[in-house]
Amino acid sequence: MSEVAARSIVERLRAKGFEALYAGGCVRDRLFGLEPHDYDIATNARPEQVESLFPRTVPVGAQFGVILVLEQGAEIQVATFRGDGAYLDGRHPESVVYTDAKGDARRRDFTVNGLFCDPLKDEILDFVGGRDDLKAGILRAIGNPSERFAEDKLRMLRAVRFATTLGFTIEPATWDAVKRHAAKIHAVSAERIRDEFCKILLSPNRLRGFDLLEESGLLREILPEMEPLKGCDQPPDFHPEGDVFVHTRLMLSLLKPEASLPLVLSVLFHDLGKPATRMVDETGRIRFNGHEGVSERMSLTILQRLRFPNEVIDAVLPAVRLHMSFKDVPNMRVATLKRMMARPTFDDELELHRVDCLGSHGMLDNHATLIAKREEFSHEPLIPVPLITGNDLIAMGWKPGPQFAEILQATQTRQLEGTLSSRDQALEWLAAEFSESGGQ
């Protein structure tokens, strides 16, 4: 739908005598054999001319010559060819001047993003050598890399993202500039940093992205909490792989390509509390008592700092907080197991446990137990409709209070374990169990 809409917009602009071309990422992706996520159009038509030609438009960046055109159910950005003035805030140009396609290409970030395509002639316009770099798998800044990154600091993270998602090598001068300017990434808003960071983490090639973030110095700027993991040694009998940083990186490498964002974040954050809780007991063994709670608090700080939405926060924090509970699976009551498996975050928690084990001692006994239990419990709801409610307790003469929750949970525990299977049984058990407790 996007391509149909984009072609229609190009045709209308051309019919009115304007130049109009596909621009940037959609051209790169098409040449690279990927389906573009969206289509952008560059034109010599001014913003007001674009608005006059199309009935439904939104001036999303009219000061920069960008108009969003709503066409055939798609949203297409149409931007006037421009050159940028000074970037005073490290993100946006102070002013723009309208130019031609060649001038527009030269103000863009990387050569592979500076390509244009005439869809009516099926012709590529390349003013910056992007086609050769695309064939060679090279990510190269257009012009002087330091100038490009000084203009827009987010381009450093975009360099890592494109190298990760496309599998490209970053050209040496471009890479050196990323490393030199990494500490300036804080000029970019937290939301923009978060969005690029997430795209890196969600790539099946996320380990390469993580390594590039680390080697460039961007990781310690975005997640300074990870620096103390380096050199934080662990008991070798459980962690022969090395320190906590090595363990975390190894876990990333073991994730499945389609891993969710909360899962990848929980891998990164689950052991953040280890340096602060590290101790050596009287036997000489290294311990990290309570590190999961410290990790949870640190995770919350990071997630809020990077402006993650509540649904991500609510998925990451339980996985971090509860990751150590999986060691207790062999001794858990059936009711406890069912409650654990009924958590909405359980699938990610289970996968976190799997890579945690494979990234350390390698023992997957508890994981296998949970897989078997999931099959065993699959024929009925993990948490069935309660046999009784608070209204039943009131009808029995109980006064509402804190004990209600305890009694209902105790009843549910027996229901989950099969010792109570009907409302009548539950009421009979309650009458016998609590008749002398002083509750009635």
Foldseek 3Di string as FASTA:
>chain_A
DQVVFQVVLCVQCVVVPKHKWWAFPCVLQVVLVHHDPHTEMEIQDALVRSPVSAPDWDCPPNQQQWIWGCGPNDTYIYGYQWAAAAQPLQAHGPHIDGDDLLRSLLLDFWQSRSWIADVVVRDIDHNQCNVVCSVVQETETRDQLLRNCSNHVLVLLVVLLCCQQVVGHYPVRNLVSLLVCLLVSVSDALQSVVVSLLSLLLALSNLSSVVSCVVSVNCCNLCVLCVLQVPQFAFCLFAVQTTRNSLLSQLSNPDGNRDDSLLNLLSSQLQSQQVVQWDADPVRHTDRPPSLVVSLVSSVVSCVRSPPDPVSNVLNNVLSNCLVVLVCQVVDDLLVLLVLCPDPNNVSSLSSNCSSRCSTNVDCPSSVVNVVVCVVPVVDRSQDDQQDAVVVVVVVPFDDDPVRVVLSVVLSSCCNNVVDPHNVSSVVCCCVVCVPVPRD
